[in-house]
Protein backbone atom coordinates (compact mmCIF):
# COMPACT_ATOMS: atom_id res chain seq x y z
CA UNK A 1 114.38 -8.38 157.01
CA UNK A 2 117.78 -7.26 157.31
CA UNK A 3 119.19 -9.77 154.77
CA UNK A 4 117.20 -8.55 152.12
CA UNK A 5 118.61 -4.78 153.03
CA UNK A 6 121.85 -6.00 152.64
CA UNK A 7 121.22 -7.55 149.22
CA UNK A 8 119.61 -4.50 148.39
CA UNK A 9 122.35 -2.16 148.95
CA UNK A 10 125.10 -4.80 147.60
CA UNK A 11 123.05 -4.77 144.40
CA UNK A 12 122.88 -0.85 144.36
CA UNK A 13 126.60 -0.39 144.80
CA UNK A 14 127.84 -3.20 142.36
CA UNK A 15 125.32 -1.48 139.92
CA UNK A 16 127.11 1.54 140.64
CA UNK A 17 130.77 0.13 139.95
CA UNK A 18 129.68 -1.80 136.80
CA UNK A 19 128.06 1.71 135.43
CA UNK A 20 131.64 3.28 136.46
CA UNK A 21 133.20 0.49 134.68
CA UNK A 22 131.06 0.91 131.36
CA UNK A 23 131.68 4.72 131.55
CA UNK A 24 135.30 4.71 131.94
CA UNK A 25 135.61 2.37 129.03
CA UNK A 26 133.22 4.60 126.98
CA UNK A 27 130.61 1.55 126.19
CA UNK A 28 127.93 2.83 128.39
CA UNK A 29 124.86 1.95 126.46
CA UNK A 30 125.88 -0.86 124.00
CA UNK A 31 127.74 -2.78 127.05
CA UNK A 32 124.99 -2.17 129.26
CA UNK A 33 122.50 -3.62 126.68
CA UNK A 34 124.38 -6.57 125.99
CA UNK A 35 124.93 -7.38 129.55
CA UNK A 36 121.29 -7.17 130.29
CA UNK A 37 120.06 -9.20 127.25
CA UNK A 38 122.67 -11.75 127.94
CA UNK A 39 121.93 -12.06 131.34
CA UNK A 40 118.22 -12.01 131.16
CA UNK A 41 118.12 -14.53 128.27
CA UNK A 42 120.63 -17.16 130.28
CA UNK A 43 118.58 -16.73 133.17
CA UNK A 44 114.89 -17.45 131.02
CA UNK A 45 117.09 -20.46 129.66
CA UNK A 46 118.07 -21.72 133.17
CA UNK A 47 114.49 -21.05 134.46
CA UNK A 48 112.84 -23.40 131.28
CA UNK A 49 115.33 -26.02 132.13
CA UNK A 50 114.80 -25.86 135.84
CA UNK A 51 112.15 -28.34 135.72
CA UNK A 52 113.82 -31.13 133.96
CA UNK A 53 116.92 -30.79 135.43
CA UNK A 54 115.94 -29.47 139.04
CA UNK A 55 118.18 -26.49 138.62
CA UNK A 56 115.98 -24.54 141.16
CA UNK A 57 116.14 -21.28 139.87
CA UNK A 58 112.95 -19.43 139.23
CA UNK A 59 112.63 -15.75 136.89
CA UNK A 60 111.64 -13.57 139.24
CA UNK A 61 112.40 -10.07 140.32
CA UNK A 62 115.58 -10.61 142.28
CA UNK A 63 116.91 -13.20 140.02
CA UNK A 64 116.10 -10.84 136.83
CA UNK A 65 117.83 -7.91 138.54
CA UNK A 66 121.05 -9.91 139.26
CA UNK A 67 121.07 -11.24 135.62
CA UNK A 68 120.69 -7.91 134.28
CA UNK A 69 123.25 -6.25 136.64
CA UNK A 70 125.88 -8.89 136.29
CA UNK A 71 124.55 -10.66 132.87
CA UNK A 72 125.83 -14.47 132.40
CA UNK A 73 128.53 -14.47 135.31
CA UNK A 74 125.54 -13.48 137.65
CA UNK A 75 123.36 -16.53 136.35
CA UNK A 76 125.97 -19.03 136.57
CA UNK A 77 126.91 -17.56 140.10
CA UNK A 78 122.93 -18.05 141.04
CA UNK A 79 123.85 -21.56 139.74
CA UNK A 80 126.65 -22.10 142.10
CA UNK A 81 124.81 -20.81 145.11
CA UNK A 82 122.01 -23.28 144.43
CA UNK A 83 124.29 -26.01 144.16
CA UNK A 84 126.31 -25.48 147.24
CA UNK A 85 122.72 -24.95 149.31
CA UNK A 86 121.24 -28.00 147.77
């Protein structure tokens, strides 16, 4: 229970940091849309390939939020964490 609260707080704080960076560079909507689309499409590709290659990342709400906030680096991070724990 406490881990999910920490994870939710981390995701909320990092979303604020990402938005501040996008606002500072003046590419809020285009940068956010590109990051979200690339992250979700990479997560979809990984989740489709996770059956034959046993990657172990499913397309659920938490992984979709991480992919939407962080983009492709978030998906790579989830793959790295999965490989470390397996």
